[in-house]
Protein backbone atom coordinates (compact mmCIF):
# COMPACT_ATOMS: atom_id res chain seq x y z
CA MET A 1 107.79 227.57 103.45
CA ASN A 2 110.80 227.84 105.73
CA LEU A 3 111.58 225.88 108.68
CA LYS A 4 110.52 228.52 111.03
CA ASN A 5 107.05 229.09 109.35
CA ARG A 6 106.42 225.38 109.17
CA VAL A 7 107.12 224.92 113.19
CA LEU A 8 104.42 227.86 113.76
CA THR A 9 101.81 226.20 111.50
CA LEU A 10 102.24 222.87 113.25
CA GLY A 11 102.09 224.62 116.91
CA SER A 12 99.01 226.58 115.87
CA ILE A 13 97.37 222.99 114.87
CA SER A 14 98.17 221.45 118.14
CA ASP A 15 96.62 224.51 119.83
CA PHE A 16 93.12 223.70 118.23
CA THR A 17 93.32 219.84 119.29
CA PRO A 18 91.36 220.58 122.38
CA PHE A 19 88.38 222.07 120.55
CA VAL A 20 88.40 219.14 117.67
CA ASN A 21 88.30 216.74 120.61
CA LEU A 22 85.48 218.45 122.34
CA PHE A 23 83.58 218.84 119.07
CA ASN A 24 84.04 215.06 118.36
CA ASP A 25 82.76 214.44 121.84
CA PHE A 26 79.72 216.56 121.25
CA TYR A 27 79.14 215.09 118.13
CA ALA A 28 79.25 211.42 119.50
CA LYS A 29 77.17 212.37 122.35
CA ASP A 30 74.56 214.15 120.22
CA THR A 31 74.19 211.32 117.84
CA SER A 32 73.91 208.61 120.74
CA ARG A 33 70.91 210.83 122.07
CA LYS A 34 69.33 211.00 118.54
CA ILE A 35 69.69 207.26 118.45
CA ARG A 36 68.42 206.49 121.61
CA ALA A 37 65.39 208.97 121.02
CA VAL A 38 64.42 206.82 117.92
CA VAL A 39 64.73 203.44 119.94
CA LYS A 40 62.52 204.74 122.79
CA SER A 41 59.95 205.92 120.24
CA LYS A 42 59.70 202.49 118.53
CA ALA A 43 59.60 201.10 121.77
CA GLU A 44 56.74 202.83 122.86
CA ARG A 45 54.85 202.10 119.78
CA GLY A 46 55.37 198.25 120.73
CA GLU A 47 57.99 197.43 117.82
CA ARG A 48 60.65 194.99 118.68
CA VAL A 49 63.81 196.99 119.22
CA ALA A 50 66.29 194.00 119.73
CA THR A 51 68.56 193.26 117.03
CA ARG A 52 68.44 189.49 117.34
CA ALA A 53 65.10 187.26 117.61
CA PRO A 54 65.20 185.32 121.05
CA TYR A 55 66.07 181.76 121.12
CA GLY A 56 63.05 179.57 119.81
CA TYR A 57 61.98 182.41 117.21
CA LYS A 58 63.35 183.75 114.13
CA LYS A 59 62.62 186.89 112.01
CA ASP A 60 59.75 186.95 109.79
CA GLU A 61 60.71 186.72 106.28
CA ASN A 62 57.86 189.31 105.39
CA ASN A 63 58.54 191.61 107.90
CA PRO A 64 62.14 190.88 109.53
CA LYS A 65 62.42 194.41 111.19
CA SER A 66 59.59 194.16 113.56
CA LYS A 67 58.12 190.64 113.71
CA ILE A 68 59.21 187.14 114.83
CA VAL A 69 57.64 183.80 114.12
CA PRO A 70 58.57 180.38 115.90
CA ASP A 71 61.68 178.75 114.85
CA GLU A 72 60.76 175.28 113.90
CA ASP A 73 64.11 173.93 114.77
CA VAL A 74 64.44 174.93 118.48
CA ALA A 75 60.97 176.01 119.36
CA PRO A 76 60.46 172.37 120.73
CA VAL A 77 63.74 172.64 122.64
CA VAL A 78 61.90 175.80 124.58
CA GLN A 79 58.93 173.73 125.02
CA ARG A 80 60.60 170.93 126.36
CA ILE A 81 62.71 173.04 128.73
CA PHE A 82 59.15 174.34 130.33
CA SER A 83 57.92 170.66 130.18
CA LEU A 84 60.89 169.52 132.32
CA CYS A 85 60.56 172.17 134.72
CA VAL A 86 56.85 171.39 135.25
CA GLU A 87 57.94 167.64 135.87
CA GLY A 88 60.20 168.94 138.87
CA LYS A 89 63.67 169.56 137.48
CA GLY A 90 65.77 172.82 138.03
CA PRO A 91 67.61 174.82 135.91
CA THR A 92 70.52 172.93 136.62
CA GLN A 93 69.32 169.39 135.91
CA ILE A 94 67.74 170.63 132.74
CA ALA A 95 70.98 172.14 131.49
CA LYS A 96 72.87 168.75 132.25
CA GLN A 97 70.17 166.89 130.47
CA LEU A 98 70.27 169.15 127.43
CA ASN A 99 74.40 168.81 127.34
CA LYS A 100 74.07 165.24 127.76
CA GLU A 101 71.76 164.94 124.91
CA GLN A 102 73.97 167.16 122.88
CA VAL A 103 71.55 169.92 121.98
CA PHE A 104 72.99 173.03 120.65
CA SER A 105 73.16 175.85 123.26
CA PRO A 106 71.53 179.36 122.11
CA GLY A 107 74.73 180.93 121.53
CA TYR A 108 76.42 178.36 119.48
CA TYR A 109 72.85 177.63 117.53
CA TYR A 110 72.92 181.37 116.49
CA TYR A 111 76.69 181.04 115.26
CA PHE A 112 75.78 177.82 113.40
CA LYS A 113 72.81 179.65 111.58
CA THR A 114 74.51 182.81 111.04
CA GLY A 115 78.24 182.35 111.19
CA THR A 116 78.43 185.31 113.77
CA ILE A 117 80.18 184.86 117.12
CA LEU A 118 78.50 186.49 119.87
CA THR A 119 80.53 187.74 123.05
CA ASN A 120 81.35 185.23 125.68
CA VAL A 121 80.27 182.23 123.50
CA ASP A 122 82.74 179.45 123.02
CA ILE A 123 82.24 177.76 119.65
CA THR A 124 84.58 174.62 120.87
CA ARG A 125 81.71 173.73 123.33
CA PRO A 126 78.49 173.70 121.26
CA TYR A 127 76.56 171.92 123.96
CA ALA A 128 77.56 174.20 126.66
CA TRP A 129 74.07 174.98 128.48
CA SER A 130 74.14 176.60 131.92
CA SER A 131 71.54 177.00 134.69
CA ALA A 132 71.75 180.61 134.11
CA CYS A 133 70.70 180.09 130.38
CA VAL A 134 67.73 177.83 131.31
CA ALA A 135 66.33 180.07 134.22
CA ASP A 136 66.64 183.02 131.60
CA ILE A 137 64.32 181.24 129.35
CA LEU A 138 62.00 179.86 132.22
CA GLU A 139 61.50 183.74 133.21
CA ASN A 140 61.26 185.26 129.74
CA GLU A 141 57.60 186.32 128.94
CA VAL A 142 58.52 186.37 125.16
CA TYR A 143 57.42 182.62 125.17
CA LEU A 144 53.96 183.83 126.22
CA GLY A 145 53.68 185.90 122.96
CA HIS A 146 54.43 189.30 124.74
CA THR A 147 56.86 191.73 123.70
CA ILE A 148 58.80 193.63 126.64
CA ASN A 149 60.65 196.67 125.42
CA LEU A 150 63.28 198.66 127.19
CA GLN A 151 64.62 195.87 129.61
CA TYR A 152 68.14 197.06 129.27
CA THR A 153 70.08 199.79 128.54
CA THR A 154 73.93 201.04 128.37
CA ILE A 155 75.98 203.13 131.03
CA SER A 156 76.66 206.10 128.76
CA TYR A 157 77.59 206.45 125.03
CA LYS A 158 80.92 205.97 126.08
CA ASN A 159 80.56 202.81 128.02
CA LYS A 160 78.45 200.24 126.11
CA LYS A 161 78.35 197.88 129.10
CA ARG A 162 74.64 196.48 129.20
CA ILE A 163 72.56 197.10 132.53
CA GLU A 164 69.05 196.09 133.41
CA ARG A 165 66.52 198.77 133.88
CA PRO A 166 64.00 199.10 136.69
CA LYS A 167 60.89 196.87 136.05
CA SER A 168 58.86 200.11 136.57
CA GLU A 169 60.51 201.28 133.20
CA HIS A 170 59.67 198.25 131.13
CA LEU A 171 57.01 198.36 128.49
CA ARG A 172 54.84 195.38 128.09
CA PHE A 173 52.77 194.45 124.85
CA GLU A 174 50.67 191.62 125.11
CA ASN A 175 50.15 188.93 122.23
CA THR A 176 52.38 190.43 119.66
CA HIS A 177 53.66 187.31 118.29
CA GLU A 178 52.61 183.40 118.45
CA PRO A 179 53.53 181.83 121.96
CA LEU A 180 55.30 178.84 122.37
CA ILE A 181 53.56 177.96 125.81
CA THR A 182 50.32 178.30 127.28
CA LYS A 183 49.62 180.89 130.40
CA GLU A 184 48.49 177.81 132.49
CA ILE A 185 52.00 176.35 132.05
CA TRP A 186 53.83 179.97 132.78
CA ASP A 187 51.69 180.49 135.78
CA ILE A 188 52.80 176.62 137.22
CA ILE A 189 56.53 177.61 136.28
CA GLN A 190 56.64 180.94 137.84
CA ASP A 191 55.01 179.38 141.29
CA ILE A 192 57.73 176.74 141.04
CA ARG A 193 60.27 179.22 140.45
CA GLU A 194 59.05 181.37 143.35
CA HIS A 195 59.66 178.36 145.47
CA LYS A 196 62.80 177.04 144.10
CA ARG A 197 63.91 173.49 144.62
CA ARG A 198 66.70 172.82 147.05
CA ARG A 199 69.65 170.91 146.03
CA THR A 200 69.61 167.23 146.32
CA ASN A 201 72.60 164.74 146.41
CA MET A 202 70.01 161.83 145.34
CA GLU A 203 69.80 161.02 141.79
CA GLU A 204 66.08 161.63 141.57
CA GLN A 205 64.70 164.91 142.53
CA ASP A 206 61.80 164.79 145.17
CA MET A 207 58.81 165.14 143.23
CA PHE A 208 57.24 166.95 146.26
CA SER A 209 59.78 169.44 146.68
CA GLY A 210 58.45 172.76 147.45
CA LEU A 211 54.97 171.72 147.62
CA VAL A 212 54.86 170.39 151.07
CA ARG A 213 54.41 172.98 153.97
CA CYS A 214 54.18 172.74 157.86
CA ILE A 215 50.35 173.84 158.59
CA ASP A 216 51.54 175.60 161.86
CA CYS A 217 54.65 177.75 160.98
CA GLY A 218 54.03 177.71 156.95
CA GLU A 219 57.84 176.72 156.53
CA VAL A 220 58.77 173.95 153.95
CA MET A 221 58.66 170.37 154.98
CA THR A 222 61.97 168.82 153.92
CA LEU A 223 62.31 165.36 152.76
CA HIS A 224 64.94 163.24 154.56
CA ARG A 225 66.33 160.45 152.75
CA ALA A 226 69.65 158.57 152.31
CA HIS A 227 71.18 155.93 149.91
CA THR A 228 71.51 153.47 153.18
CA MET A 229 67.88 153.97 153.95
CA ALA A 230 65.11 151.96 152.70
CA ALA A 231 62.95 154.23 150.02
CA VAL A 232 59.87 153.34 152.60
CA LYS A 233 61.49 155.17 155.51
CA ASN A 234 61.89 158.50 153.57
CA ASN A 235 59.92 161.15 155.53
CA PHE A 236 59.06 164.71 155.70
CA MET A 237 59.79 167.07 158.62
CA CYS A 238 59.21 170.66 159.32
CA SER A 239 62.25 172.72 158.32
CA THR A 240 61.69 174.98 161.27
CA TYR A 241 61.94 172.18 163.86
CA ARG A 242 65.01 170.77 162.33
CA LYS A 243 66.72 174.13 162.29
CA ARG A 244 65.47 175.65 165.52
CA GLY A 245 64.25 172.90 167.50
CA LYS A 246 61.13 172.38 169.62
CA GLU A 247 60.71 175.61 170.89
CA LYS A 248 59.68 177.07 167.58
CA CYS A 249 57.72 174.26 166.14
CA SER A 250 57.41 170.50 166.25
CA ALA A 251 58.36 167.84 163.90
CA HIS A 252 54.77 167.10 161.88
CA TYR A 253 56.57 163.87 160.89
CA LEU A 254 55.04 162.14 157.96
CA ARG A 255 56.37 159.37 155.73
CA GLU A 256 56.66 159.94 152.09
CA VAL A 257 54.86 156.90 150.92
CA HIS A 258 51.95 157.79 153.21
CA LEU A 259 51.78 161.10 151.85
CA ALA A 260 51.81 159.88 148.05
CA ALA A 261 49.01 157.62 148.93
CA ILE A 262 46.64 160.37 150.33
CA VAL A 263 47.45 162.81 147.58
CA LEU A 264 46.94 160.12 144.90
CA ASP A 265 43.95 158.93 146.27
CA ASP A 266 42.30 162.66 146.77
CA LEU A 267 43.45 163.47 143.33
CA LEU A 268 41.80 160.60 141.60
CA ARG A 269 38.50 161.42 143.79
CA VAL A 270 38.59 165.18 142.68
CA THR A 271 39.26 164.75 138.96
CA HIS A 272 36.61 161.81 138.72
CA PHE A 273 33.97 164.33 140.20
CA ALA A 274 35.21 167.10 138.01
CA ARG A 275 34.57 164.96 134.81
CA GLN A 276 31.57 163.15 135.68
CA GLN A 277 29.38 165.87 137.54
CA GLU A 278 30.76 168.94 135.76
CA ALA A 279 27.65 171.19 136.34
CA LEU A 280 27.63 170.23 140.31
CA PHE A 281 31.31 170.65 140.45
CA ILE A 282 31.45 174.18 138.92
CA GLN A 283 28.46 175.27 141.29
CA TYR A 284 30.28 173.87 144.44
CA ILE A 285 33.41 175.34 143.72
CA ASN A 286 32.14 178.82 142.79
CA ARG A 287 29.97 178.83 146.00
CA LYS A 288 32.88 177.74 148.21
CA ASN A 289 35.74 179.87 146.69
CA ASN A 290 33.68 183.12 146.89
CA ALA A 291 33.02 182.86 150.87
CA GLU A 292 36.76 181.73 151.28
CA THR A 293 37.87 184.64 149.15
CA ARG A 294 35.75 187.19 151.15
CA ARG A 295 37.15 185.86 154.58
CA GLU A 296 40.85 186.07 153.39
CA ILE A 297 40.51 189.45 151.89
CA GLU A 298 39.16 190.72 155.16
CA ARG A 299 41.76 188.89 157.19
CA LEU A 300 44.43 190.42 155.14
CA GLN A 301 42.96 194.08 155.11
CA ARG A 302 43.09 193.84 158.91
CA ASP A 303 46.62 192.77 158.74
CA LEU A 304 47.65 195.48 156.31
CA GLU A 305 45.82 198.14 158.30
CA LEU A 306 48.06 196.97 161.29
CA MET A 307 51.19 197.04 159.37
CA ARG A 308 50.78 200.42 158.07
CA ARG A 309 49.92 201.70 161.66
CA ARG A 310 52.88 200.11 162.99
CA ASP A 311 55.07 201.69 160.26
CA ILE A 312 53.84 205.34 161.11
CA GLU A 313 54.51 204.39 164.69
CA LEU A 314 58.11 203.22 163.98
CA SER A 315 58.79 206.52 161.99
CA LYS A 316 57.73 208.40 165.06
CA LEU A 317 59.46 206.36 167.46
CA PHE A 318 62.77 206.88 165.42
CA LYS A 319 62.17 210.59 165.49
CA ARG A 320 61.74 210.81 169.21
CA LEU A 321 64.89 208.39 169.78
CA TYR A 322 66.95 210.66 167.77
CA GLU A 323 65.90 213.88 169.27
CA ASP A 324 66.40 212.31 172.73
CA ASN A 325 70.15 211.11 171.70
CA VAL A 326 70.74 214.63 170.52
CA LEU A 327 69.65 216.31 173.91
CA GLY A 328 71.51 213.53 175.71
CA LYS A 329 68.52 211.63 177.28
CA VAL A 330 69.93 208.65 175.40
CA THR A 331 73.34 207.24 174.89
CA ASN A 332 74.92 206.55 171.70
CA GLU A 333 75.24 202.99 172.42
CA GLN A 334 71.39 202.73 173.18
CA PHE A 335 70.50 204.67 170.31
CA ARG A 336 72.39 202.51 168.06
CA MET A 337 70.75 199.29 169.52
CA LEU A 338 67.38 200.64 169.29
CA SER A 339 67.60 202.34 166.01
CA GLU A 340 68.99 198.93 164.48
CA ASP A 341 65.86 197.00 165.93
CA TYR A 342 63.51 199.82 164.42
CA ASN A 343 64.99 199.90 161.21
CA ALA A 344 65.15 195.89 160.73
CA GLU A 345 61.25 195.82 161.59
CA GLN A 346 60.59 198.92 159.41
CA LYS A 347 62.47 197.07 156.58
CA SER A 348 60.38 194.02 157.16
CA LEU A 349 57.30 196.02 157.08
CA LYS A 350 58.31 197.97 153.77
CA GLU A 351 58.84 194.32 152.15
CA ARG A 352 55.39 192.70 153.55
CA ILE A 353 53.14 195.71 153.03
CA PRO A 354 53.39 195.88 149.03
CA GLN A 355 53.03 191.84 148.96
CA THR A 356 49.94 191.76 151.11
CA THR A 357 48.58 194.75 148.91
CA LYS A 358 49.20 192.88 145.76
CA ARG A 359 47.68 189.65 147.28
CA ILE A 360 44.41 191.53 147.98
CA GLU A 361 44.19 193.07 144.60
CA GLU A 362 44.68 189.38 143.16
CA LEU A 363 41.95 187.94 145.28
CA GLN A 364 39.74 190.87 144.49
CA THR A 365 39.97 190.48 140.83
CA SER A 366 40.35 186.61 140.68
CA ILE A 367 37.56 184.43 139.55
CA SER A 368 37.87 180.46 140.28
CA ASN A 369 39.00 179.22 137.10
CA VAL A 370 37.07 176.02 137.52
CA THR A 371 36.81 175.47 133.97
CA ARG A 372 40.59 175.18 133.43
CA PHE A 373 40.90 172.58 136.31
CA ILE A 374 38.01 170.47 134.30
CA ASP A 375 40.09 170.63 131.26
CA LYS A 376 42.83 169.57 132.90
CA ALA A 377 41.03 166.65 134.63
CA LYS A 378 39.83 165.62 131.23
CA ARG A 379 43.31 165.47 129.92
CA TYR A 380 44.48 163.39 132.66
CA THR A 381 42.19 160.35 132.60
CA GLU A 382 44.48 157.57 133.35
CA ILE A 383 46.16 158.52 136.52
CA THR A 384 47.83 155.29 138.02
CA GLU A 385 50.80 156.90 140.07
CA LEU A 386 51.84 160.37 140.96
CA SER A 387 54.91 162.13 139.07
CA GLY A 388 56.45 165.71 139.56
CA GLU A 389 54.46 166.81 136.42
CA LEU A 390 51.03 165.62 138.04
CA LEU A 391 51.71 167.32 141.25
CA ASN A 392 52.68 170.59 139.76
CA THR A 393 50.00 170.81 137.47
CA PHE A 394 47.14 170.15 139.84
CA ILE A 395 48.26 170.88 143.30
CA GLU A 396 49.33 174.48 144.40
CA LYS A 397 50.56 173.23 148.20
CA ILE A 398 50.04 170.60 150.68
CA GLU A 399 49.84 171.56 154.45
CA VAL A 400 50.73 168.94 157.05
CA GLY A 401 49.36 169.30 160.51
CA GLU A 402 50.90 167.58 163.93
CA ARG A 403 49.57 164.35 165.01
CA GLY A 404 47.10 164.57 167.84
CA GLU A 405 49.10 162.34 169.99
CA ARG A 406 52.85 162.44 169.63
CA TYR A 407 55.06 159.29 168.70
CA SER A 408 51.68 157.78 167.87
CA ARG A 409 51.41 156.19 164.37
CA THR A 410 47.57 155.60 164.70
CA ALA A 411 46.61 159.20 165.77
CA GLU A 412 45.05 161.11 163.35
CA GLN A 413 47.10 163.80 161.30
CA GLU A 414 45.42 166.66 159.22
CA ILE A 415 46.48 166.95 155.60
CA VAL A 416 45.16 169.95 153.41
CA ILE A 417 45.66 169.92 149.88
CA HIS A 418 45.28 173.19 148.00
CA TYR A 419 44.69 172.45 144.51
CA ARG A 420 45.45 174.89 141.47
CA ASP A 421 42.37 177.14 140.18
CA ILE A 422 40.13 175.69 142.72
CA GLY A 423 41.71 175.93 146.32
CA VAL A 424 40.68 173.25 148.93
CA ILE A 425 37.68 170.83 148.02
CA GLY A 426 36.92 169.18 151.27
CA ALA A 427 34.09 166.46 151.32
CA PHE A 428 32.63 167.44 147.87
CA ALA A 429 30.50 164.20 147.87
CA GLU A 430 28.03 165.56 150.67
CA GLU A 431 28.16 168.98 149.41
CA ALA A 432 27.31 168.06 145.90
CA GLU A 433 24.52 165.93 147.21
CA LYS A 434 22.83 169.13 148.86
CA ILE A 435 23.43 171.35 145.85
CA SER A 436 21.52 168.38 143.97
CA GLU A 437 18.77 168.19 146.49
CA GLN A 438 18.63 172.18 146.49
CA ARG A 439 18.27 172.15 142.83
CA GLN A 440 15.49 169.54 142.92
CA ARG A 441 13.56 171.35 145.32
CA GLN A 442 13.78 174.63 142.91
CA THR A 443 12.82 172.70 139.96
CA ALA A 444 9.74 171.31 141.89
């Protein structure tokens, strides 16, 4: 072949290059589509689609493709992370403690076991625990024994960056493998995570952190303490009062030592009755909670109806305001100011309506788990002092009222303790006696 023909041949090949690239792109896209379809099909059947077992687990030797079992080397680490959180420690504190104790981080542990270096893992820092890593563990339902599929996807077959899917697209399958923690511990942790602890400059975390609330405004009571102040003078104060002054709320001042004494005394009283008079305790709690639940459901349903009406009214008002602006009845400045107010109020309603609906559904389907409370009372028989673990295990929240007389140290102050699983107890002894007398009359 002469030079002229060779040039023509090369030119002809280059003319087909765009078609070759288009075909390759189509092939890659089609292959990606088929792989995604296979993965989705497996995910919908409840099979695990992740390539690696989550930290705390390992692949089952008999069924490595779809089953995981606890990893005896690091499963205790996961359980300890949850235990430390119940005690009142946050993700940052837990991460620091694990670093100090030289526990391998999840990324380095995977490298240690397999020899594979994961993305963004620095193998020169084997104990590099982060607060984000701890938080991910505390919020991962895999440790309850559940499989959550289709949590993440990639942008496209070209861009492999991982993004999180909306929760509505997640597929949840319960009891697919052995759990590392109990549902009781999980519920406590999620409640703690929902009311995250504020950062403290003191060495010891406030054991009441997130639990104490103002009975009037509902906001958290903050603990005031300092290195230069004696511990007996540590005191709680309403955060609304501290931030916005007496026009919005009052101080609700209460010393920490006094609150601790009251809570410890009540906790001993309630757990003692739960152990010693189990049958009466169960009857009393069920009767009390049924009445309270009905009242709260009725109140929430009224609030929900008002919010829905207001949401419809705001939509009509905004539409009317827009028409008046177009017709020149309302200036652009007036339209901007009013529409911002309407939008802000409507946005708040859009958040509160589903929250209230969810709370009503929880109350309607809930049954007082008094048995679980009694089981806890039987486990903790030797309570001598309070701790973060005790408080978070037994107590949901503590509401503090204002003193009947301002600046008086002897005036009465209302303190309401809400226990997990059973709610507010009140004067149980008197009620138990009435129930006992009623049962005796029925027997007679």
